Structures are given as structure tokens and as C-alpha cells.
Amino acid sequence: MANPNKSRGTAWESAVRDYLNNALELVDERGVFRDPFNGMNIRRPAQEGARDIGDVHAVPFILECKDVKNPAVPTWLRQARVEAINAGFPYGVVVHKRRGLGVRAGRVHFDVRTWTRTRTALGLSTRAVVDRYGFTTTVRGLDSGRWYLTTSVANFAELVHDVREVSARAAR
């Protein structure tokens, strides 16, 4: 019998991947990739070697997916940062499942540095990003390394779309 925690985690990773592919219109009504060779498709990479490269790749984000009852967000964010570096991606975030709610209600956590870099890449003010993507802030003590910003998976899908659009425009 498979490890139930691993099975639950794999199911959450797959649900996040499938939701984002649908929200970004990368799959058809049957869930089949419109272009299987598109590097922008959301994927669950096979883990190779000793260095973890994240649970889900949503260019330019590495997603560390967590389906656990007791959150440890600052620790998870440090893990996501390392995995983004290992995978060669600029941003690492955490996607935490909310019990009894659908994928779109999952929580996406950004550390302050990643959130600021994303906001800067979008060319938006702090207020504009908070309003547009529904971010809330968690401040724990005086150590800003334990602070983080959170939005829903549904809002994160819009943010991924917008970051990709800005990057595509800049590349032209």
C-alpha cells in the first residue's frame, strides 16, 4: 500500500497543475494540452538527482505544494526559494491546500522578496498588486524573513497570466 500522505500530496499537486492549465487555457475541454510542446504548460516534473526542483512548474514560478493540516509557511518558503534556484526559475512560492475547499481557494504564499520582485516585474504599485490579486499580509515578529503575502490559487492564475504577458511584451 502506498504512503497515504504521499498519495494526498501527489493528488494536491495534480489538482493545482490541472486547475492552472485550465485557468490559463492551456488545455482543451477534455484536459488535453492544446500544444503539448508549449514550454508554458503547467507540469509536474520528475524529480531527478539529489536537488529538489519543486512540485509544479508554472513558468516563471516553482510551486511547492503542501496538503497538511498545520502550516509552516516561513519554512516552506525557504524550501521553495532553494527549489527555484535548483530549477533555474526566478520565483518560488508555496501552494497550501485549505481543508474542505476546492483548488481555487487554496492559498499561495510569497515571501516578501519574491512578492516585491514579481510586483516590480509587473510594473505595478504595491496598492495595485494588493487590489488586483487580493493579497493579504502576515507579519510575524520583527524578522521580515518570517513575513509573507498570500493570495488564492484563482488570483495566482491571473498573476501568472499577467507576468507571462509582461515578459512576452518585453521580449518583443
N, C-alpha and C. Protein backbone atom coordinates (compact mmCIF):
# COMPACT_ATOMS: atom_id res chain seq x y z
N MET A 1 0.84 -1.19 0.00
CA MET A 1 0.00 0.00 0.00
C MET A 1 0.88 1.24 0.00
N ALA A 2 0.51 2.20 -0.81
CA ALA A 2 1.26 3.45 -0.91
C ALA A 2 1.12 4.27 0.36
N ASN A 3 2.09 5.13 0.61
CA ASN A 3 2.05 6.04 1.74
C ASN A 3 0.88 7.01 1.55
N PRO A 4 -0.09 7.04 2.47
CA PRO A 4 -1.27 7.91 2.29
C PRO A 4 -0.92 9.39 2.23
N ASN A 5 0.10 9.83 2.98
CA ASN A 5 0.49 11.24 2.93
C ASN A 5 1.06 11.60 1.56
N LYS A 6 1.88 10.69 1.01
CA LYS A 6 2.45 10.93 -0.32
C LYS A 6 1.34 10.94 -1.37
N SER A 7 0.39 10.05 -1.25
CA SER A 7 -0.74 9.99 -2.20
C SER A 7 -1.55 11.29 -2.14
N ARG A 8 -1.79 11.78 -0.93
CA ARG A 8 -2.55 13.02 -0.76
C ARG A 8 -1.78 14.20 -1.36
N GLY A 9 -0.47 14.24 -1.13
CA GLY A 9 0.35 15.31 -1.68
C GLY A 9 0.39 15.27 -3.20
N THR A 10 0.52 14.08 -3.76
CA THR A 10 0.52 13.93 -5.22
C THR A 10 -0.81 14.37 -5.81
N ALA A 11 -1.90 14.02 -5.16
CA ALA A 11 -3.24 14.42 -5.64
C ALA A 11 -3.37 15.95 -5.62
N TRP A 12 -2.85 16.60 -4.57
CA TRP A 12 -2.92 18.06 -4.48
C TRP A 12 -2.07 18.70 -5.58
N GLU A 13 -0.87 18.21 -5.79
CA GLU A 13 -0.01 18.73 -6.86
C GLU A 13 -0.72 18.61 -8.22
N SER A 14 -1.32 17.46 -8.47
CA SER A 14 -2.02 17.24 -9.75
C SER A 14 -3.22 18.16 -9.88
N ALA A 15 -3.95 18.37 -8.79
CA ALA A 15 -5.12 19.25 -8.82
C ALA A 15 -4.70 20.69 -9.12
N VAL A 16 -3.60 21.15 -8.51
CA VAL A 16 -3.10 22.50 -8.76
C VAL A 16 -2.67 22.62 -10.22
N ARG A 17 -1.91 21.65 -10.70
CA ARG A 17 -1.48 21.66 -12.10
C ARG A 17 -2.67 21.73 -13.04
N ASP A 18 -3.65 20.87 -12.81
CA ASP A 18 -4.83 20.82 -13.70
C ASP A 18 -5.62 22.12 -13.64
N TYR A 19 -5.79 22.67 -12.45
CA TYR A 19 -6.53 23.93 -12.32
C TYR A 19 -5.84 25.04 -13.10
N LEU A 20 -4.53 25.18 -12.92
CA LEU A 20 -3.80 26.25 -13.59
C LEU A 20 -3.81 26.07 -15.11
N ASN A 21 -3.64 24.84 -15.58
CA ASN A 21 -3.70 24.60 -17.03
C ASN A 21 -5.06 25.01 -17.59
N ASN A 22 -6.13 24.71 -16.86
CA ASN A 22 -7.48 25.12 -17.29
C ASN A 22 -7.64 26.63 -17.24
N ALA A 23 -7.25 27.24 -16.13
CA ALA A 23 -7.43 28.68 -15.95
C ALA A 23 -6.64 29.47 -16.98
N LEU A 24 -5.48 28.96 -17.39
CA LEU A 24 -4.65 29.65 -18.36
C LEU A 24 -4.96 29.21 -19.80
N GLU A 25 -6.01 28.40 -19.93
CA GLU A 25 -6.50 27.92 -21.23
C GLU A 25 -5.40 27.22 -22.03
N LEU A 26 -4.61 26.42 -21.34
CA LEU A 26 -3.55 25.64 -21.99
C LEU A 26 -4.02 24.25 -22.39
N VAL A 27 -5.23 23.88 -21.92
CA VAL A 27 -5.81 22.58 -22.26
C VAL A 27 -7.19 22.78 -22.88
N ASP A 28 -7.64 21.77 -23.62
CA ASP A 28 -8.98 21.85 -24.21
C ASP A 28 -10.02 21.38 -23.19
N GLU A 29 -11.28 21.27 -23.62
CA GLU A 29 -12.36 20.89 -22.70
C GLU A 29 -12.20 19.48 -22.13
N ARG A 30 -11.36 18.65 -22.76
CA ARG A 30 -11.10 17.30 -22.24
C ARG A 30 -9.87 17.24 -21.34
N GLY A 31 -9.19 18.39 -21.19
CA GLY A 31 -7.99 18.43 -20.36
C GLY A 31 -6.72 18.04 -21.09
N VAL A 32 -6.77 18.02 -22.43
CA VAL A 32 -5.61 17.66 -23.25
C VAL A 32 -4.89 18.96 -23.65
N PHE A 33 -3.56 18.95 -23.55
CA PHE A 33 -2.80 20.14 -23.93
C PHE A 33 -3.13 20.57 -25.35
N ARG A 34 -3.37 21.86 -25.52
CA ARG A 34 -3.60 22.41 -26.87
C ARG A 34 -2.32 22.27 -27.69
N ASP A 35 -1.17 22.51 -27.05
CA ASP A 35 0.13 22.33 -27.68
C ASP A 35 1.03 21.62 -26.68
N PRO A 36 1.21 20.31 -26.84
CA PRO A 36 1.99 19.56 -25.85
C PRO A 36 3.45 20.00 -25.74
N PHE A 37 3.95 20.74 -26.73
CA PHE A 37 5.34 21.17 -26.73
C PHE A 37 5.53 22.59 -26.21
N ASN A 38 4.43 23.22 -25.79
CA ASN A 38 4.48 24.58 -25.28
C ASN A 38 5.20 24.59 -23.92
N GLY A 39 6.27 25.35 -23.84
CA GLY A 39 7.03 25.44 -22.59
C GLY A 39 6.28 26.15 -21.47
N MET A 40 5.14 26.76 -21.79
CA MET A 40 4.34 27.45 -20.78
C MET A 40 3.32 26.53 -20.12
N ASN A 41 3.18 25.30 -20.60
CA ASN A 41 2.26 24.35 -19.96
C ASN A 41 2.69 24.13 -18.51
N ILE A 42 1.72 23.99 -17.64
CA ILE A 42 1.99 23.74 -16.23
C ILE A 42 2.26 22.25 -16.09
N ARG A 43 3.38 21.90 -15.47
CA ARG A 43 3.79 20.49 -15.39
C ARG A 43 4.26 20.12 -13.99
N ARG A 44 4.14 18.83 -13.71
CA ARG A 44 4.75 18.23 -12.51
C ARG A 44 6.01 17.53 -12.98
N PRO A 45 7.18 18.09 -12.68
CA PRO A 45 8.42 17.49 -13.20
C PRO A 45 8.78 16.21 -12.45
N ALA A 46 9.45 15.33 -13.15
CA ALA A 46 10.02 14.15 -12.49
C ALA A 46 11.22 14.61 -11.69
N GLN A 47 11.33 14.15 -10.45
CA GLN A 47 12.47 14.54 -9.62
C GLN A 47 13.68 13.71 -10.03
N GLU A 48 14.77 14.39 -10.29
CA GLU A 48 16.00 13.73 -10.72
C GLU A 48 17.14 14.21 -9.86
N GLY A 49 17.96 13.30 -9.40
CA GLY A 49 19.13 13.69 -8.63
C GLY A 49 18.80 14.10 -7.21
N ALA A 50 19.80 14.65 -6.55
CA ALA A 50 19.68 14.98 -5.13
C ALA A 50 19.02 16.33 -4.87
N ARG A 51 18.97 17.19 -5.87
CA ARG A 51 18.42 18.53 -5.67
C ARG A 51 16.96 18.59 -6.11
N ASP A 52 16.10 18.92 -5.17
CA ASP A 52 14.67 19.03 -5.46
C ASP A 52 14.43 20.26 -6.33
N ILE A 53 13.58 20.11 -7.35
CA ILE A 53 13.31 21.21 -8.28
C ILE A 53 11.86 21.66 -8.21
N GLY A 54 11.17 21.38 -7.11
CA GLY A 54 9.80 21.85 -6.93
C GLY A 54 8.78 20.82 -7.38
N ASP A 55 7.55 21.02 -6.92
CA ASP A 55 6.47 20.08 -7.21
C ASP A 55 5.77 20.37 -8.53
N VAL A 56 5.59 21.65 -8.84
CA VAL A 56 4.89 22.05 -10.07
C VAL A 56 5.66 23.21 -10.69
N HIS A 57 5.83 23.16 -12.01
CA HIS A 57 6.48 24.25 -12.74
C HIS A 57 5.41 25.02 -13.49
N ALA A 58 5.28 26.30 -13.17
CA ALA A 58 4.37 27.22 -13.84
C ALA A 58 5.21 28.43 -14.23
N VAL A 59 5.96 28.29 -15.30
CA VAL A 59 6.92 29.31 -15.72
C VAL A 59 6.33 30.70 -15.54
N PRO A 60 7.02 31.59 -14.81
CA PRO A 60 8.35 31.52 -14.24
C PRO A 60 8.38 31.12 -12.76
N PHE A 61 7.35 30.45 -12.29
CA PHE A 61 7.24 30.09 -10.88
C PHE A 61 7.48 28.59 -10.64
N ILE A 62 8.16 28.30 -9.54
CA ILE A 62 8.23 26.95 -8.99
C ILE A 62 7.21 26.93 -7.86
N LEU A 63 6.35 25.91 -7.84
CA LEU A 63 5.35 25.79 -6.79
C LEU A 63 5.71 24.62 -5.89
N GLU A 64 5.79 24.91 -4.62
CA GLU A 64 5.95 23.87 -3.60
C GLU A 64 4.56 23.66 -3.02
N CYS A 65 3.96 22.51 -3.29
CA CYS A 65 2.57 22.24 -2.90
C CYS A 65 2.53 21.50 -1.57
N LYS A 66 1.65 21.94 -0.69
CA LYS A 66 1.53 21.36 0.65
C LYS A 66 0.07 21.05 0.97
N ASP A 67 -0.18 19.81 1.35
CA ASP A 67 -1.50 19.39 1.80
C ASP A 67 -1.34 18.83 3.21
N VAL A 68 -1.20 19.74 4.15
CA VAL A 68 -1.02 19.37 5.55
C VAL A 68 -1.93 20.23 6.41
N LYS A 69 -2.23 19.72 7.59
CA LYS A 69 -3.14 20.43 8.49
C LYS A 69 -2.49 21.64 9.15
N ASN A 70 -1.25 21.47 9.60
CA ASN A 70 -0.57 22.53 10.35
C ASN A 70 0.46 23.24 9.47
N PRO A 71 0.20 24.50 9.11
CA PRO A 71 1.12 25.21 8.22
C PRO A 71 2.43 25.61 8.90
N ALA A 72 3.48 25.61 8.08
CA ALA A 72 4.80 26.10 8.49
C ALA A 72 5.31 26.97 7.35
N VAL A 73 4.58 28.02 7.05
CA VAL A 73 4.81 28.81 5.84
C VAL A 73 6.23 29.36 5.72
N PRO A 74 6.81 30.00 6.74
CA PRO A 74 8.17 30.52 6.55
C PRO A 74 9.19 29.43 6.17
N THR A 75 9.07 28.27 6.77
CA THR A 75 9.95 27.14 6.44
C THR A 75 9.71 26.69 5.01
N TRP A 76 8.46 26.58 4.62
CA TRP A 76 8.13 26.17 3.25
C TRP A 76 8.64 27.17 2.23
N LEU A 77 8.56 28.45 2.56
CA LEU A 77 9.04 29.48 1.63
C LEU A 77 10.54 29.39 1.41
N ARG A 78 11.29 29.09 2.46
CA ARG A 78 12.73 28.88 2.30
C ARG A 78 12.99 27.69 1.37
N GLN A 79 12.21 26.63 1.55
CA GLN A 79 12.31 25.45 0.69
C GLN A 79 12.00 25.81 -0.76
N ALA A 80 10.94 26.56 -1.00
CA ALA A 80 10.55 26.97 -2.35
C ALA A 80 11.64 27.81 -3.01
N ARG A 81 12.27 28.68 -2.24
CA ARG A 81 13.35 29.53 -2.76
C ARG A 81 14.51 28.67 -3.26
N VAL A 82 14.91 27.68 -2.46
CA VAL A 82 16.02 26.78 -2.83
C VAL A 82 15.64 25.97 -4.08
N GLU A 83 14.41 25.48 -4.13
CA GLU A 83 13.98 24.67 -5.27
C GLU A 83 13.92 25.50 -6.55
N ALA A 84 13.52 26.76 -6.45
CA ALA A 84 13.52 27.64 -7.63
C ALA A 84 14.95 27.82 -8.15
N ILE A 85 15.89 28.01 -7.26
CA ILE A 85 17.30 28.13 -7.66
C ILE A 85 17.77 26.84 -8.32
N ASN A 86 17.45 25.70 -7.71
CA ASN A 86 17.85 24.41 -8.27
C ASN A 86 17.30 24.20 -9.68
N ALA A 87 16.08 24.69 -9.92
CA ALA A 87 15.42 24.50 -11.22
C ALA A 87 15.78 25.61 -12.21
N GLY A 88 16.43 26.67 -11.73
CA GLY A 88 16.78 27.78 -12.60
C GLY A 88 15.62 28.71 -12.90
N PHE A 89 14.65 28.79 -11.98
CA PHE A 89 13.49 29.66 -12.14
C PHE A 89 13.65 30.86 -11.22
N PRO A 90 13.08 32.01 -11.61
CA PRO A 90 13.26 33.21 -10.79
C PRO A 90 12.43 33.27 -9.51
N TYR A 91 11.28 32.56 -9.47
CA TYR A 91 10.37 32.71 -8.34
C TYR A 91 9.96 31.36 -7.76
N GLY A 92 9.97 31.27 -6.43
CA GLY A 92 9.48 30.09 -5.74
C GLY A 92 8.39 30.48 -4.77
N VAL A 93 7.22 29.81 -4.85
CA VAL A 93 6.09 30.09 -3.97
C VAL A 93 5.54 28.79 -3.41
N VAL A 94 4.69 28.91 -2.40
CA VAL A 94 4.07 27.74 -1.76
C VAL A 94 2.58 27.77 -2.02
N VAL A 95 2.01 26.61 -2.36
CA VAL A 95 0.57 26.48 -2.56
C VAL A 95 0.05 25.51 -1.49
N HIS A 96 -0.73 26.05 -0.55
CA HIS A 96 -1.21 25.29 0.60
C HIS A 96 -2.71 25.00 0.46
N LYS A 97 -3.06 23.75 0.58
CA LYS A 97 -4.46 23.35 0.46
C LYS A 97 -5.24 23.79 1.69
N ARG A 98 -6.45 24.27 1.44
CA ARG A 98 -7.38 24.61 2.52
C ARG A 98 -8.38 23.47 2.62
N ARG A 99 -8.48 22.91 3.77
CA ARG A 99 -9.34 21.74 4.01
C ARG A 99 -10.79 22.04 3.65
N GLY A 100 -11.39 21.10 2.92
CA GLY A 100 -12.82 21.18 2.61
C GLY A 100 -13.19 22.17 1.53
N LEU A 101 -12.18 22.78 0.90
CA LEU A 101 -12.45 23.76 -0.15
C LEU A 101 -11.79 23.31 -1.45
N GLY A 102 -12.25 23.82 -2.55
CA GLY A 102 -11.71 23.46 -3.85
C GLY A 102 -10.33 24.06 -4.09
N VAL A 103 -9.73 23.65 -5.20
CA VAL A 103 -8.38 24.10 -5.54
C VAL A 103 -8.31 25.62 -5.63
N ARG A 104 -9.28 26.24 -6.26
CA ARG A 104 -9.23 27.70 -6.47
C ARG A 104 -9.13 28.47 -5.16
N ALA A 105 -9.55 27.87 -4.04
CA ALA A 105 -9.49 28.52 -2.73
C ALA A 105 -8.18 28.24 -2.00
N GLY A 106 -7.30 27.40 -2.60
CA GLY A 106 -6.00 27.14 -1.98
C GLY A 106 -5.25 28.46 -1.78
N ARG A 107 -4.29 28.45 -0.89
CA ARG A 107 -3.56 29.68 -0.56
C ARG A 107 -2.17 29.62 -1.20
N VAL A 108 -1.80 30.69 -1.89
CA VAL A 108 -0.47 30.81 -2.49
C VAL A 108 0.30 31.84 -1.68
N HIS A 109 1.43 31.40 -1.11
CA HIS A 109 2.24 32.25 -0.24
C HIS A 109 3.52 32.68 -0.95
N PHE A 110 3.82 33.98 -0.83
CA PHE A 110 5.04 34.58 -1.37
C PHE A 110 5.85 35.13 -0.22
N ASP A 111 7.17 34.94 -0.23
CA ASP A 111 7.97 35.69 0.73
C ASP A 111 8.05 37.13 0.23
N VAL A 112 8.47 38.04 1.08
CA VAL A 112 8.46 39.46 0.75
C VAL A 112 9.34 39.74 -0.47
N ARG A 113 10.51 39.13 -0.53
CA ARG A 113 11.43 39.37 -1.64
C ARG A 113 10.82 38.91 -2.97
N THR A 114 10.25 37.73 -3.01
CA THR A 114 9.65 37.20 -4.24
C THR A 114 8.46 38.05 -4.65
N TRP A 115 7.63 38.44 -3.68
CA TRP A 115 6.47 39.29 -3.98
C TRP A 115 6.92 40.63 -4.58
N THR A 116 7.94 41.21 -3.99
CA THR A 116 8.44 42.51 -4.46
C THR A 116 9.02 42.38 -5.87
N ARG A 117 9.78 41.33 -6.12
CA ARG A 117 10.34 41.13 -7.46
C ARG A 117 9.23 40.90 -8.48
N THR A 118 8.20 40.16 -8.11
CA THR A 118 7.07 39.92 -9.01
C THR A 118 6.34 41.24 -9.28
N ARG A 119 6.08 42.00 -8.24
CA ARG A 119 5.40 43.30 -8.38
C ARG A 119 6.20 44.21 -9.30
N THR A 120 7.50 44.25 -9.11
CA THR A 120 8.37 45.08 -9.93
C THR A 120 8.33 44.62 -11.39
N ALA A 121 8.36 43.31 -11.61
CA ALA A 121 8.30 42.78 -12.98
C ALA A 121 7.00 43.18 -13.67
N LEU A 122 5.91 43.25 -12.89
CA LEU A 122 4.62 43.66 -13.44
C LEU A 122 4.55 45.17 -13.67
N GLY A 123 5.44 45.92 -13.02
CA GLY A 123 5.43 47.37 -13.15
C GLY A 123 4.26 48.02 -12.45
N LEU A 124 3.80 47.39 -11.37
CA LEU A 124 2.64 47.90 -10.64
C LEU A 124 3.03 48.38 -9.25
N SER A 125 2.23 49.28 -8.70
CA SER A 125 2.45 49.74 -7.34
C SER A 125 2.02 48.65 -6.36
N THR A 126 2.45 48.81 -5.12
CA THR A 126 2.05 47.87 -4.07
C THR A 126 0.54 47.81 -3.96
N ARG A 127 -0.12 48.95 -3.90
CA ARG A 127 -1.58 49.01 -3.77
C ARG A 127 -2.26 48.32 -4.96
N ALA A 128 -1.75 48.54 -6.17
CA ALA A 128 -2.36 47.94 -7.36
C ALA A 128 -2.27 46.42 -7.31
N VAL A 129 -1.14 45.88 -6.88
CA VAL A 129 -0.98 44.42 -6.81
C VAL A 129 -1.88 43.84 -5.72
N VAL A 130 -1.94 44.49 -4.57
CA VAL A 130 -2.80 44.02 -3.49
C VAL A 130 -4.26 44.01 -3.94
N ASP A 131 -4.70 45.08 -4.57
CA ASP A 131 -6.09 45.18 -5.02
C ASP A 131 -6.40 44.20 -6.15
N ARG A 132 -5.52 44.14 -7.13
CA ARG A 132 -5.79 43.32 -8.32
C ARG A 132 -5.77 41.84 -8.03
N TYR A 133 -4.85 41.38 -7.16
CA TYR A 133 -4.68 39.94 -6.92
C TYR A 133 -5.10 39.49 -5.53
N GLY A 134 -5.68 40.39 -4.75
CA GLY A 134 -6.26 40.01 -3.46
C GLY A 134 -5.27 39.54 -2.41
N PHE A 135 -4.08 40.13 -2.38
CA PHE A 135 -3.07 39.71 -1.40
C PHE A 135 -3.41 40.19 0.00
N THR A 136 -3.09 39.35 0.97
CA THR A 136 -3.11 39.74 2.38
C THR A 136 -1.70 39.54 2.92
N THR A 137 -1.40 40.20 4.02
CA THR A 137 -0.05 40.16 4.58
C THR A 137 -0.07 39.48 5.94
N THR A 138 0.94 38.65 6.19
CA THR A 138 1.14 38.07 7.51
C THR A 138 2.50 38.53 8.01
N VAL A 139 2.50 39.19 9.16
CA VAL A 139 3.73 39.69 9.75
C VAL A 139 3.91 38.96 11.08
N ARG A 140 5.06 38.28 11.18
CA ARG A 140 5.35 37.52 12.40
C ARG A 140 6.62 38.06 13.03
N GLY A 141 6.46 38.87 14.04
CA GLY A 141 7.61 39.42 14.74
C GLY A 141 8.34 40.47 13.93
N LEU A 142 9.55 40.76 14.35
CA LEU A 142 10.36 41.81 13.71
C LEU A 142 11.21 41.26 12.57
N ASP A 143 11.34 39.96 12.47
CA ASP A 143 12.16 39.33 11.43
C ASP A 143 11.37 39.26 10.13
N SER A 144 11.73 40.10 9.16
CA SER A 144 10.98 40.13 7.89
C SER A 144 11.13 38.83 7.11
N GLY A 145 12.08 37.98 7.48
CA GLY A 145 12.20 36.66 6.87
C GLY A 145 11.03 35.75 7.19
N ARG A 146 10.24 36.13 8.19
CA ARG A 146 9.07 35.33 8.57
C ARG A 146 7.77 35.98 8.09
N TRP A 147 7.87 37.07 7.35
CA TRP A 147 6.69 37.75 6.81
C TRP A 147 6.37 37.15 5.45
N TYR A 148 5.10 37.14 5.11
CA TYR A 148 4.73 36.65 3.78
C TYR A 148 3.41 37.24 3.34
N LEU A 149 3.16 37.14 2.03
CA LEU A 149 1.93 37.65 1.42
C LEU A 149 1.21 36.47 0.79
N THR A 150 -0.13 36.52 0.85
CA THR A 150 -0.93 35.37 0.44
C THR A 150 -2.07 35.79 -0.47
N THR A 151 -2.33 34.97 -1.48
CA THR A 151 -3.49 35.14 -2.34
C THR A 151 -4.09 33.76 -2.60
N SER A 152 -5.18 33.71 -3.33
CA SER A 152 -5.80 32.42 -3.66
C SER A 152 -5.18 31.85 -4.94
N VAL A 153 -5.38 30.56 -5.16
CA VAL A 153 -4.92 29.93 -6.39
C VAL A 153 -5.61 30.59 -7.59
N ALA A 154 -6.89 30.94 -7.46
CA ALA A 154 -7.60 31.60 -8.55
C ALA A 154 -6.94 32.93 -8.91
N ASN A 155 -6.60 33.73 -7.92
CA ASN A 155 -5.92 35.01 -8.18
C ASN A 155 -4.50 34.79 -8.69
N PHE A 156 -3.85 33.73 -8.20
CA PHE A 156 -2.49 33.41 -8.65
C PHE A 156 -2.50 33.08 -10.14
N ALA A 157 -3.52 32.39 -10.62
CA ALA A 157 -3.60 32.07 -12.06
C ALA A 157 -3.61 33.37 -12.88
N GLU A 158 -4.34 34.37 -12.42
CA GLU A 158 -4.36 35.66 -13.11
C GLU A 158 -2.98 36.32 -13.07
N LEU A 159 -2.31 36.22 -11.93
CA LEU A 159 -0.98 36.81 -11.79
C LEU A 159 0.00 36.12 -12.74
N VAL A 160 -0.03 34.79 -12.82
CA VAL A 160 0.86 34.06 -13.73
C VAL A 160 0.61 34.53 -15.16
N HIS A 161 -0.65 34.63 -15.54
CA HIS A 161 -1.00 35.11 -16.89
C HIS A 161 -0.39 36.49 -17.14
N ASP A 162 -0.56 37.40 -16.19
CA ASP A 162 -0.08 38.77 -16.36
C ASP A 162 1.44 38.85 -16.40
N VAL A 163 2.13 38.08 -15.56
CA VAL A 163 3.60 38.06 -15.57
C VAL A 163 4.08 37.55 -16.92
N ARG A 164 3.43 36.53 -17.43
CA ARG A 164 3.82 35.99 -18.74
C ARG A 164 3.58 37.01 -19.85
N GLU A 165 2.48 37.74 -19.78
CA GLU A 165 2.19 38.76 -20.80
C GLU A 165 3.24 39.87 -20.77
N VAL A 166 3.60 40.32 -19.59
CA VAL A 166 4.60 41.38 -19.46
C VAL A 166 5.94 40.88 -20.01
N SER A 167 6.32 39.65 -19.69
CA SER A 167 7.57 39.08 -20.18
C SER A 167 7.56 38.96 -21.69
N ALA A 168 6.44 38.54 -22.26
CA ALA A 168 6.33 38.39 -23.72
C ALA A 168 6.45 39.75 -24.40
N ARG A 169 5.81 40.77 -23.83
CA ARG A 169 5.91 42.12 -24.40
C ARG A 169 7.34 42.63 -24.35
N ALA A 170 8.02 42.37 -23.25
CA ALA A 170 9.40 42.83 -23.10
C ALA A 170 10.35 42.13 -24.07
N ALA A 171 10.02 40.88 -24.41
CA ALA A 171 10.86 40.11 -25.33
C ALA A 171 10.71 40.56 -26.78
N ARG A 172 9.60 41.24 -27.10
CA ARG A 172 9.35 41.67 -28.49
C ARG A 172 10.18 42.83 -28.89
